[in-house]
Each structure stands twice: as structure tokens, then as C-alpha cells.
Amino acid sequence: MNSNVIFVFAKWQVAENQLPNVLNLLNDVAEKSRAESGNLFYKIHQSQTDENTLILSEAYQDENALNKHRNSEHFQGIVVNQIVPLLANREVYLTNQILN
């Protein structure tokens, strides 16, 4: 894998009773994110022990692709403006792969 690839891991703690709303919005974001030219994958996972804990795993071919994603209409308009207010907590980690 290219050493410029950036992997994003985000842990979202969805606020009580907001999971259906978040998943509905997230479905649209995922579809649009996967269509971005620099996106390598966009996956959404749910904790087996807490349905309100979501883990997003994403990969972008380089920093430019990640920046385009973060500045996109769907990220700013849906994630930042609509989903984040429905979260109790949000942690985001930008990583590079160091071992296969």
C-alpha cells in the first residue's frame, strides 16, 4: 500500500435515542464519500456490546484526498452540521500503516 495513504478511524458515541437518525444520515454520507476519487474505502461498524457506539474506518489515497473529503458538501453539511450534534462523544484518529 502506498505510504501516502491516510487511514481514518472515528469512534462515535451516539446520543440516546438518536441512532436511527444518525444511521439514516450516515448512509448518505457513506455513499457520497465512497464516490470521491481519492477514497479507497469507507466502512461503518457497530459495537457488539453497545449499539450506540459506531466505528468508522476510512482510507484516502493522500492528504489532498482527505482534505477534499473534509471540505466536501456532504461532510460539512451532513456530518458536521447534522450528525455531530446527535453524538454524545466523537474521537477521530488519522493514521499511517506501519506494519502489514
PDB file of N, CA and C in Angstrom:
ATOM      1  N   MET A   1       0.842  -1.178   0.000  1.00  0.00           N
ATOM      2  CA  MET A   1       0.000   0.000   0.000  1.00  0.00           C
ATOM      3  C   MET A   1       0.883   1.235   0.000  1.00  0.00           C
ATOM      4  N   ASN A   2       0.447   2.248  -0.694  1.00  0.00           N
ATOM      5  CA  ASN A   2       1.188   3.500  -0.810  1.00  0.00           C
ATOM      6  C   ASN A   2       1.405   4.124   0.563  1.00  0.00           C
ATOM      7  N   SER A   3       2.611   4.611   0.801  1.00  0.00           N
ATOM      8  CA  SER A   3       2.926   5.195   2.116  1.00  0.00           C
ATOM      9  C   SER A   3       2.220   6.523   2.352  1.00  0.00           C
ATOM     10  N   ASN A   4       1.649   7.117   1.293  1.00  0.00           N
ATOM     11  CA  ASN A   4       0.909   8.369   1.455  1.00  0.00           C
ATOM     12  C   ASN A   4      -0.536   8.149   1.887  1.00  0.00           C
ATOM     13  N   VAL A   5      -0.973   6.896   1.886  1.00  0.00           N
ATOM     14  CA  VAL A   5      -2.357   6.592   2.241  1.00  0.00           C
ATOM     15  C   VAL A   5      -2.612   6.979   3.696  1.00  0.00           C
ATOM     16  N   ILE A   6      -3.742   7.648   3.910  1.00  0.00           N
ATOM     17  CA  ILE A   6      -4.143   8.053   5.262  1.00  0.00           C
ATOM     18  C   ILE A   6      -5.378   7.245   5.653  1.00  0.00           C
ATOM     19  N   PHE A   7      -5.276   6.586   6.800  1.00  0.00           N
ATOM     20  CA  PHE A   7      -6.390   5.821   7.350  1.00  0.00           C
ATOM     21  C   PHE A   7      -7.026   6.640   8.464  1.00  0.00           C
ATOM     22  N   VAL A   8      -8.337   6.697   8.452  1.00  0.00           N
ATOM     23  CA  VAL A   8      -9.082   7.435   9.465  1.00  0.00           C
ATOM     24  C   VAL A   8      -9.915   6.435  10.259  1.00  0.00           C
ATOM     25  N   PHE A   9      -9.805   6.515  11.571  1.00  0.00           N
ATOM     26  CA  PHE A   9     -10.646   5.723  12.463  1.00  0.00           C
ATOM     27  C   PHE A   9     -11.387   6.706  13.354  1.00  0.00           C
ATOM     28  N   ALA A  10     -12.703   6.638  13.319  1.00  0.00           N
ATOM     29  CA  ALA A  10     -13.513   7.542  14.132  1.00  0.00           C
ATOM     30  C   ALA A  10     -14.422   6.715  15.034  1.00  0.00           C
ATOM     31  N   LYS A  11     -14.445   7.075  16.293  1.00  0.00           N
ATOM     32  CA  LYS A  11     -15.343   6.423  17.258  1.00  0.00           C
ATOM     33  C   LYS A  11     -16.426   7.432  17.609  1.00  0.00           C
ATOM     34  N   TRP A  12     -17.640   7.063  17.295  1.00  0.00           N
ATOM     35  CA  TRP A  12     -18.782   7.925  17.578  1.00  0.00           C
ATOM     36  C   TRP A  12     -19.630   7.283  18.662  1.00  0.00           C
ATOM     37  N   GLN A  13     -19.898   8.027  19.703  1.00  0.00           N
ATOM     38  CA  GLN A  13     -20.847   7.602  20.731  1.00  0.00           C
ATOM     39  C   GLN A  13     -22.133   8.368  20.457  1.00  0.00           C
ATOM     40  N   VAL A  14     -23.116   7.668  19.931  1.00  0.00           N
ATOM     41  CA  VAL A  14     -24.374   8.298  19.544  1.00  0.00           C
ATOM     42  C   VAL A  14     -25.201   8.583  20.794  1.00  0.00           C
ATOM     43  N   ALA A  15     -25.796   9.765  20.838  1.00  0.00           N
ATOM     44  CA  ALA A  15     -26.649  10.137  21.965  1.00  0.00           C
ATOM     45  C   ALA A  15     -27.858   9.201  22.029  1.00  0.00           C
ATOM     46  N   GLU A  16     -28.375   9.027  23.223  1.00  0.00           N
ATOM     47  CA  GLU A  16     -29.520   8.142  23.465  1.00  0.00           C
ATOM     48  C   GLU A  16     -30.678   8.489  22.527  1.00  0.00           C
ATOM     49  N   ASN A  17     -31.269   7.468  21.931  1.00  0.00           N
ATOM     50  CA  ASN A  17     -32.426   7.582  21.035  1.00  0.00           C
ATOM     51  C   ASN A  17     -32.131   8.267  19.700  1.00  0.00           C
ATOM     52  N   GLN A  18     -30.872   8.479  19.364  1.00  0.00           N
ATOM     53  CA  GLN A  18     -30.527   9.153  18.113  1.00  0.00           C
ATOM     54  C   GLN A  18     -29.955   8.215  17.049  1.00  0.00           C
ATOM     55  N   LEU A  19     -29.781   6.941  17.380  1.00  0.00           N
ATOM     56  CA  LEU A  19     -29.149   6.014  16.440  1.00  0.00           C
ATOM     57  C   LEU A  19     -29.868   5.940  15.090  1.00  0.00           C
ATOM     58  N   PRO A  20     -31.192   5.804  15.028  1.00  0.00           N
ATOM     59  CA  PRO A  20     -31.850   5.746  13.712  1.00  0.00           C
ATOM     60  C   PRO A  20     -31.587   6.998  12.870  1.00  0.00           C
ATOM     61  N   ASN A  21     -31.590   8.154  13.509  1.00  0.00           N
ATOM     62  CA  ASN A  21     -31.328   9.402  12.787  1.00  0.00           C
ATOM     63  C   ASN A  21     -29.902   9.443  12.254  1.00  0.00           C
ATOM     64  N   VAL A  22     -28.943   9.054  13.095  1.00  0.00           N
ATOM     65  CA  VAL A  22     -27.537   9.059  12.687  1.00  0.00           C
ATOM     66  C   VAL A  22     -27.316   8.079  11.540  1.00  0.00           C
ATOM     67  N   LEU A  23     -27.849   6.875  11.649  1.00  0.00           N
ATOM     68  CA  LEU A  23     -27.651   5.875  10.598  1.00  0.00           C
ATOM     69  C   LEU A  23     -28.273   6.308   9.279  1.00  0.00           C
ATOM     70  N   ASN A  24     -29.415   6.943   9.331  1.00  0.00           N
ATOM     71  CA  ASN A  24     -30.061   7.438   8.118  1.00  0.00           C
ATOM     72  C   ASN A  24     -29.179   8.471   7.424  1.00  0.00           C
ATOM     73  N   LEU A  25     -28.658   9.414   8.190  1.00  0.00           N
ATOM     74  CA  LEU A  25     -27.775  10.441   7.631  1.00  0.00           C
ATOM     75  C   LEU A  25     -26.451   9.833   7.170  1.00  0.00           C
ATOM     76  N   LEU A  26     -25.930   8.915   7.948  1.00  0.00           N
ATOM     77  CA  LEU A  26     -24.634   8.307   7.653  1.00  0.00           C
ATOM     78  C   LEU A  26     -24.669   7.481   6.371  1.00  0.00           C
ATOM     79  N   ASN A  27     -25.789   6.889   6.074  1.00  0.00           N
ATOM     80  CA  ASN A  27     -25.933   6.130   4.833  1.00  0.00           C
ATOM     81  C   ASN A  27     -25.667   7.019   3.621  1.00  0.00           C
ATOM     82  N   ASP A  28     -26.200   8.224   3.637  1.00  0.00           N
ATOM     83  CA  ASP A  28     -25.998   9.187   2.550  1.00  0.00           C
ATOM     84  C   ASP A  28     -24.536   9.630   2.481  1.00  0.00           C
ATOM     85  N   VAL A  29     -23.946   9.906   3.634  1.00  0.00           N
ATOM     86  CA  VAL A  29     -22.541  10.324   3.692  1.00  0.00           C
ATOM     87  C   VAL A  29     -21.637   9.222   3.146  1.00  0.00           C
ATOM     88  N   ALA A  30     -21.883   7.996   3.546  1.00  0.00           N
ATOM     89  CA  ALA A  30     -21.050   6.873   3.108  1.00  0.00           C
ATOM     90  C   ALA A  30     -21.095   6.719   1.591  1.00  0.00           C
ATOM     91  N   GLU A  31     -22.280   6.794   1.027  1.00  0.00           N
ATOM     92  CA  GLU A  31     -22.431   6.654  -0.421  1.00  0.00           C
ATOM     93  C   GLU A  31     -21.657   7.748  -1.159  1.00  0.00           C
ATOM     94  N   LYS A  32     -21.791   8.975  -0.704  1.00  0.00           N
ATOM     95  CA  LYS A  32     -21.105  10.097  -1.358  1.00  0.00           C
ATOM     96  C   LYS A  32     -19.600  10.046  -1.123  1.00  0.00           C
ATOM     97  N   SER A  33     -19.177   9.607   0.047  1.00  0.00           N
ATOM     98  CA  SER A  33     -17.746   9.512   0.349  1.00  0.00           C
ATOM     99  C   SER A  33     -17.082   8.437  -0.501  1.00  0.00           C
ATOM    100  N   ARG A  34     -17.744   7.312  -0.666  1.00  0.00           N
ATOM    101  CA  ARG A  34     -17.190   6.222  -1.481  1.00  0.00           C
ATOM    102  C   ARG A  34     -17.032   6.630  -2.941  1.00  0.00           C
ATOM    103  N   ALA A  35     -17.823   7.598  -3.384  1.00  0.00           N
ATOM    104  CA  ALA A  35     -17.758   8.062  -4.773  1.00  0.00           C
ATOM    105  C   ALA A  35     -16.629   9.071  -5.008  1.00  0.00           C
ATOM    106  N   GLU A  36     -16.000   9.557  -3.948  1.00  0.00           N
ATOM    107  CA  GLU A  36     -14.902  10.516  -4.096  1.00  0.00           C
ATOM    108  C   GLU A  36     -13.714   9.838  -4.771  1.00  0.00           C
ATOM    109  N   SER A  37     -13.046  10.558  -5.666  1.00  0.00           N
ATOM    110  CA  SER A  37     -11.951   9.961  -6.439  1.00  0.00           C
ATOM    111  C   SER A  37     -10.791   9.480  -5.569  1.00  0.00           C
ATOM    112  N   GLY A  38     -10.507  10.129  -4.456  1.00  0.00           N
ATOM    113  CA  GLY A  38      -9.382   9.731  -3.606  1.00  0.00           C
ATOM    114  C   GLY A  38      -9.739   8.792  -2.474  1.00  0.00           C
ATOM    115  N   ASN A  39     -11.011   8.386  -2.392  1.00  0.00           N
ATOM    116  CA  ASN A  39     -11.434   7.485  -1.319  1.00  0.00           C
ATOM    117  C   ASN A  39     -11.123   6.044  -1.687  1.00  0.00           C
ATOM    118  N   LEU A  40     -10.469   5.329  -0.790  1.00  0.00           N
ATOM    119  CA  LEU A  40     -10.146   3.915  -1.015  1.00  0.00           C
ATOM    120  C   LEU A  40     -11.188   2.999  -0.382  1.00  0.00           C
ATOM    121  N   PHE A  41     -11.722   3.395   0.761  1.00  0.00           N
ATOM    122  CA  PHE A  41     -12.856   2.693   1.361  1.00  0.00           C
ATOM    123  C   PHE A  41     -13.461   3.549   2.464  1.00  0.00           C
ATOM    124  N   TYR A  42     -14.712   3.239   2.787  1.00  0.00           N
ATOM    125  CA  TYR A  42     -15.456   3.934   3.838  1.00  0.00           C
ATOM    126  C   TYR A  42     -16.367   2.887   4.466  1.00  0.00           C
ATOM    127  N   LYS A  43     -16.012   2.422   5.659  1.00  0.00           N
ATOM    128  CA  LYS A  43     -16.746   1.336   6.306  1.00  0.00           C
ATOM    129  C   LYS A  43     -17.287   1.787   7.659  1.00  0.00           C
ATOM    130  N   ILE A  44     -18.449   1.278   7.994  1.00  0.00           N
ATOM    131  CA  ILE A  44     -19.108   1.639   9.244  1.00  0.00           C
ATOM    132  C   ILE A  44     -19.330   0.364  10.053  1.00  0.00           C
ATOM    133  N   HIS A  45     -18.897   0.394  11.302  1.00  0.00           N
ATOM    134  CA  HIS A  45     -19.007  -0.764  12.191  1.00  0.00           C
ATOM    135  C   HIS A  45     -19.793  -0.361  13.439  1.00  0.00           C
ATOM    136  N   GLN A  46     -20.436  -1.344  14.053  1.00  0.00           N
ATOM    137  CA  GLN A  46     -21.195  -1.111  15.277  1.00  0.00           C
ATOM    138  C   GLN A  46     -20.686  -2.049  16.361  1.00  0.00           C
ATOM    139  N   SER A  47     -20.520  -1.520  17.548  1.00  0.00           N
ATOM    140  CA  SER A  47     -20.063  -2.324  18.681  1.00  0.00           C
ATOM    141  C   SER A  47     -21.035  -3.470  18.950  1.00  0.00           C
ATOM    142  N   GLN A  48     -20.489  -4.619  19.311  1.00  0.00           N
ATOM    143  CA  GLN A  48     -21.321  -5.765  19.678  1.00  0.00           C
ATOM    144  C   GLN A  48     -21.913  -5.614  21.074  1.00  0.00           C
ATOM    145  N   THR A  49     -21.328  -4.741  21.878  1.00  0.00           N
ATOM    146  CA  THR A  49     -21.791  -4.595  23.261  1.00  0.00           C
ATOM    147  C   THR A  49     -22.557  -3.300  23.524  1.00  0.00           C
ATOM    148  N   ASP A  50     -22.487  -2.352  22.594  1.00  0.00           N
ATOM    149  CA  ASP A  50     -23.203  -1.081  22.765  1.00  0.00           C
ATOM    150  C   ASP A  50     -23.620  -0.579  21.390  1.00  0.00           C
ATOM    151  N   GLU A  51     -24.879  -0.740  21.062  1.00  0.00           N
ATOM    152  CA  GLU A  51     -25.346  -0.369  19.724  1.00  0.00           C
ATOM    153  C   GLU A  51     -25.146   1.102  19.400  1.00  0.00           C
ATOM    154  N   ASN A  52     -24.983   1.941  20.410  1.00  0.00           N
ATOM    155  CA  ASN A  52     -24.779   3.371  20.178  1.00  0.00           C
ATOM    156  C   ASN A  52     -23.322   3.742  19.921  1.00  0.00           C
ATOM    157  N   THR A  53     -22.439   2.761  19.884  1.00  0.00           N
ATOM    158  CA  THR A  53     -21.036   3.019  19.567  1.00  0.00           C
ATOM    159  C   THR A  53     -20.760   2.581  18.137  1.00  0.00           C
ATOM    160  N   LEU A  54     -20.390   3.546  17.309  1.00  0.00           N
ATOM    161  CA  LEU A  54     -20.050   3.283  15.917  1.00  0.00           C
ATOM    162  C   LEU A  54     -18.569   3.548  15.702  1.00  0.00           C
ATOM    163  N   ILE A  55     -17.953   2.721  14.877  1.00  0.00           N
ATOM    164  CA  ILE A  55     -16.563   2.915  14.479  1.00  0.00           C
ATOM    165  C   ILE A  55     -16.552   3.055  12.963  1.00  0.00           C
ATOM    166  N   LEU A  56     -16.023   4.156  12.491  1.00  0.00           N
ATOM    167  CA  LEU A  56     -15.889   4.370  11.060  1.00  0.00           C
ATOM    168  C   LEU A  56     -14.439   4.133  10.681  1.00  0.00           C
ATOM    169  N   SER A  57     -14.211   3.388   9.623  1.00  0.00           N
ATOM    170  CA  SER A  57     -12.856   3.207   9.105  1.00  0.00           C
ATOM    171  C   SER A  57     -12.868   3.660   7.651  1.00  0.00           C
ATOM    172  N   GLU A  58     -11.930   4.534   7.351  1.00  0.00           N
ATOM    173  CA  GLU A  58     -11.861   5.146   6.030  1.00  0.00           C
ATOM    174  C   GLU A  58     -10.411   5.169   5.578  1.00  0.00           C
ATOM    175  N   ALA A  59     -10.207   5.235   4.268  1.00  0.00           N
ATOM    176  CA  ALA A  59      -8.851   5.401   3.746  1.00  0.00           C
ATOM    177  C   ALA A  59      -8.899   6.337   2.550  1.00  0.00           C
ATOM    178  N   TYR A  60      -7.890   7.193   2.480  1.00  0.00           N
ATOM    179  CA  TYR A  60      -7.761   8.173   1.405  1.00  0.00           C
ATOM    180  C   TYR A  60      -6.371   8.057   0.809  1.00  0.00           C
ATOM    181  N   GLN A  61      -6.278   8.209  -0.498  1.00  0.00           N
ATOM    182  CA  GLN A  61      -5.004   7.957  -1.173  1.00  0.00           C
ATOM    183  C   GLN A  61      -3.897   8.895  -0.743  1.00  0.00           C
ATOM    184  N   ASP A  62      -4.239  10.088  -0.257  1.00  0.00           N
ATOM    185  CA  ASP A  62      -3.215  11.016   0.224  1.00  0.00           C
ATOM    186  C   ASP A  62      -3.888  12.144   1.006  1.00  0.00           C
ATOM    187  N   GLU A  63      -3.074  13.062   1.506  1.00  0.00           N
ATOM    188  CA  GLU A  63      -3.593  14.163   2.317  1.00  0.00           C
ATOM    189  C   GLU A  63      -4.535  15.055   1.519  1.00  0.00           C
ATOM    190  N   ASN A  64      -4.245  15.249   0.249  1.00  0.00           N
ATOM    191  CA  ASN A  64      -5.104  16.063  -0.601  1.00  0.00           C
ATOM    192  C   ASN A  64      -6.507  15.459  -0.694  1.00  0.00           C
ATOM    193  N   ALA A  65      -6.580  14.149  -0.872  1.00  0.00           N
ATOM    194  CA  ALA A  65      -7.882  13.471  -0.946  1.00  0.00           C
ATOM    195  C   ALA A  65      -8.641  13.589   0.373  1.00  0.00           C
ATOM    196  N   LEU A  66      -7.924  13.469   1.493  1.00  0.00           N
ATOM    197  CA  LEU A  66      -8.561  13.618   2.802  1.00  0.00           C
ATOM    198  C   LEU A  66      -9.100  15.035   2.980  1.00  0.00           C
ATOM    199  N   ASN A  67      -8.304  16.028   2.591  1.00  0.00           N
ATOM    200  CA  ASN A  67      -8.746  17.419   2.713  1.00  0.00           C
ATOM    201  C   ASN A  67      -9.962  17.698   1.839  1.00  0.00           C
ATOM    202  N   LYS A  68      -9.989  17.141   0.634  1.00  0.00           N
ATOM    203  CA  LYS A  68     -11.162  17.312  -0.233  1.00  0.00           C
ATOM    204  C   LYS A  68     -12.394  16.707   0.432  1.00  0.00           C
ATOM    205  N   HIS A  69     -12.216  15.547   1.051  1.00  0.00           N
ATOM    206  CA  HIS A  69     -13.333  14.907   1.753  1.00  0.00           C
ATOM    207  C   HIS A  69     -13.828  15.794   2.895  1.00  0.00           C
ATOM    208  N   ARG A  70     -12.911  16.272   3.706  1.00  0.00           N
ATOM    209  CA  ARG A  70     -13.295  17.077   4.872  1.00  0.00           C
ATOM    210  C   ARG A  70     -13.933  18.411   4.486  1.00  0.00           C
ATOM    211  N   ASN A  71     -13.631  18.900   3.304  1.00  0.00           N
ATOM    212  CA  ASN A  71     -14.207  20.157   2.833  1.00  0.00           C
ATOM    213  C   ASN A  71     -15.427  19.948   1.943  1.00  0.00           C
ATOM    214  N   SER A  72     -15.794  18.700   1.714  1.00  0.00           N
ATOM    215  CA  SER A  72     -16.914  18.405   0.819  1.00  0.00           C
ATOM    216  C   SER A  72     -18.238  18.871   1.421  1.00  0.00           C
ATOM    217  N   GLU A  73     -19.193  19.070   0.529  1.00  0.00           N
ATOM    218  CA  GLU A  73     -20.527  19.497   0.958  1.00  0.00           C
ATOM    219  C   GLU A  73     -21.178  18.455   1.868  1.00  0.00           C
ATOM    220  N   HIS A  74     -21.008  17.178   1.547  1.00  0.00           N
ATOM    221  CA  HIS A  74     -21.649  16.140   2.373  1.00  0.00           C
ATOM    222  C   HIS A  74     -20.984  16.015   3.742  1.00  0.00           C
ATOM    223  N   PHE A  75     -19.668  16.209   3.830  1.00  0.00           N
ATOM    224  CA  PHE A  75     -19.025  16.142   5.146  1.00  0.00           C
ATOM    225  C   PHE A  75     -19.425  17.348   5.992  1.00  0.00           C
ATOM    226  N   GLN A  76     -19.282  18.534   5.438  1.00  0.00           N
ATOM    227  CA  GLN A  76     -19.607  19.746   6.193  1.00  0.00           C
ATOM    228  C   GLN A  76     -21.107  19.851   6.490  1.00  0.00           C
ATOM    229  N   GLY A  77     -21.920  19.599   5.473  1.00  0.00           N
ATOM    230  CA  GLY A  77     -23.359  19.782   5.627  1.00  0.00           C
ATOM    231  C   GLY A  77     -24.052  18.699   6.427  1.00  0.00           C
ATOM    232  N   ILE A  78     -23.601  17.458   6.265  1.00  0.00           N
ATOM    233  CA  ILE A  78     -24.279  16.356   6.954  1.00  0.00           C
ATOM    234  C   ILE A  78     -23.541  15.950   8.228  1.00  0.00           C
ATOM    235  N   VAL A  79     -22.246  15.635   8.106  1.00  0.00           N
ATOM    236  CA  VAL A  79     -21.511  15.172   9.296  1.00  0.00           C
ATOM    237  C   VAL A  79     -21.396  16.292  10.321  1.00  0.00           C
ATOM    238  N   VAL A  80     -20.789  17.395   9.929  1.00  0.00           N
ATOM    239  CA  VAL A  80     -20.514  18.473  10.886  1.00  0.00           C
ATOM    240  C   VAL A  80     -21.800  19.130  11.388  1.00  0.00           C
ATOM    241  N   ASN A  81     -22.703  19.462  10.469  1.00  0.00           N
ATOM    242  CA  ASN A  81     -23.885  20.237  10.862  1.00  0.00           C
ATOM    243  C   ASN A  81     -25.066  19.410  11.366  1.00  0.00           C
ATOM    244  N   GLN A  82     -25.180  18.149  10.930  1.00  0.00           N
ATOM    245  CA  GLN A  82     -26.354  17.364  11.315  1.00  0.00           C
ATOM    246  C   GLN A  82     -26.044  16.177  12.231  1.00  0.00           C
ATOM    247  N   ILE A  83     -24.940  15.462  11.963  1.00  0.00           N
ATOM    248  CA  ILE A  83     -24.645  14.272  12.770  1.00  0.00           C
ATOM    249  C   ILE A  83     -23.951  14.622  14.080  1.00  0.00           C
ATOM    250  N   VAL A  84     -22.924  15.442  14.029  1.00  0.00           N
ATOM    251  CA  VAL A  84     -22.162  15.755  15.253  1.00  0.00           C
ATOM    252  C   VAL A  84     -23.065  16.231  16.392  1.00  0.00           C
ATOM    253  N   PRO A  85     -24.084  17.059  16.147  1.00  0.00           N
ATOM    254  CA  PRO A  85     -24.967  17.443  17.257  1.00  0.00           C
ATOM    255  C   PRO A  85     -25.748  16.272  17.871  1.00  0.00           C
ATOM    256  N   LEU A  86     -25.823  15.141  17.167  1.00  0.00           N
ATOM    257  CA  LEU A  86     -26.543  13.966  17.669  1.00  0.00           C
ATOM    258  C   LEU A  86     -25.626  12.987  18.402  1.00  0.00           C
ATOM    259  N   LEU A  87     -24.348  13.352  18.546  1.00  0.00           N
ATOM    260  CA  LEU A  87     -23.375  12.484  19.199  1.00  0.00           C
ATOM    261  C   LEU A  87     -23.102  12.943  20.621  1.00  0.00           C
ATOM    262  N   ALA A  88     -22.913  11.983  21.509  1.00  0.00           N
ATOM    263  CA  ALA A  88     -22.509  12.293  22.884  1.00  0.00           C
ATOM    264  C   ALA A  88     -21.005  12.511  22.953  1.00  0.00           C
ATOM    265  N   ASN A  89     -20.266  11.833  22.053  1.00  0.00           N
ATOM    266  CA  ASN A  89     -18.807  11.960  22.026  1.00  0.00           C
ATOM    267  C   ASN A  89     -18.306  11.542  20.652  1.00  0.00           C
ATOM    268  N   ARG A  90     -17.162  12.101  20.269  1.00  0.00           N
ATOM    269  CA  ARG A  90     -16.567  11.783  18.961  1.00  0.00           C
ATOM    270  C   ARG A  90     -15.054  11.857  19.075  1.00  0.00           C
ATOM    271  N   GLU A  91     -14.390  10.781  18.681  1.00  0.00           N
ATOM    272  CA  GLU A  91     -12.929  10.745  18.640  1.00  0.00           C
ATOM    273  C   GLU A  91     -12.517  10.371  17.223  1.00  0.00           C
ATOM    274  N   VAL A  92     -11.515  11.077  16.690  1.00  0.00           N
ATOM    275  CA  VAL A  92     -11.044  10.812  15.331  1.00  0.00           C
ATOM    276  C   VAL A  92      -9.532  10.652  15.360  1.00  0.00           C
ATOM    277  N   TYR A  93      -9.060   9.582  14.710  1.00  0.00           N
ATOM    278  CA  TYR A  93      -7.621   9.305  14.641  1.00  0.00           C
ATOM    279  C   TYR A  93      -7.200   9.225  13.184  1.00  0.00           C
ATOM    280  N   LEU A  94      -6.201  10.013  12.803  1.00  0.00           N
ATOM    281  CA  LEU A  94      -5.599   9.933  11.475  1.00  0.00           C
ATOM    282  C   LEU A  94      -4.344   9.096  11.614  1.00  0.00           C
ATOM    283  N   THR A  95      -4.205   8.060  10.784  1.00  0.00           N
ATOM    284  CA  THR A  95      -3.092   7.131  10.946  1.00  0.00           C
ATOM    285  C   THR A  95      -2.434   6.799   9.612  1.00  0.00           C
ATOM    286  N   ASN A  96      -1.214   6.293   9.718  1.00  0.00           N
ATOM    287  CA  ASN A  96      -0.487   5.708   8.596  1.00  0.00           C
ATOM    288  C   ASN A  96      -0.198   4.263   8.959  1.00  0.00           C
ATOM    289  N   GLN A  97      -0.296   3.382   7.992  1.00  0.00           N
ATOM    290  CA  GLN A  97       0.009   1.974   8.239  1.00  0.00           C
ATOM    291  C   GLN A  97       1.517   1.817   8.399  1.00  0.00           C
ATOM    292  N   ILE A  98       1.946   1.107   9.453  1.00  0.00           N
ATOM    293  CA  ILE A  98       3.379   0.919   9.669  1.00  0.00           C
ATOM    294  C   ILE A  98       3.809  -0.537   9.522  1.00  0.00           C
ATOM    295  N   LEU A  99       2.885  -1.474   9.691  1.00  0.00           N
ATOM    296  CA  LEU A  99       3.184  -2.896   9.512  1.00  0.00           C
ATOM    297  C   LEU A  99       2.038  -3.558   8.764  1.00  0.00           C
ATOM    298  N   ASN A 100       2.371  -4.548   7.963  1.00  0.00           N
ATOM    299  CA  ASN A 100       1.323  -5.324   7.277  1.00  0.00           C
ATOM    300  C   ASN A 100       0.822  -6.425   8.174  1.00  0.00           C
TER     301      ASN A 100
END
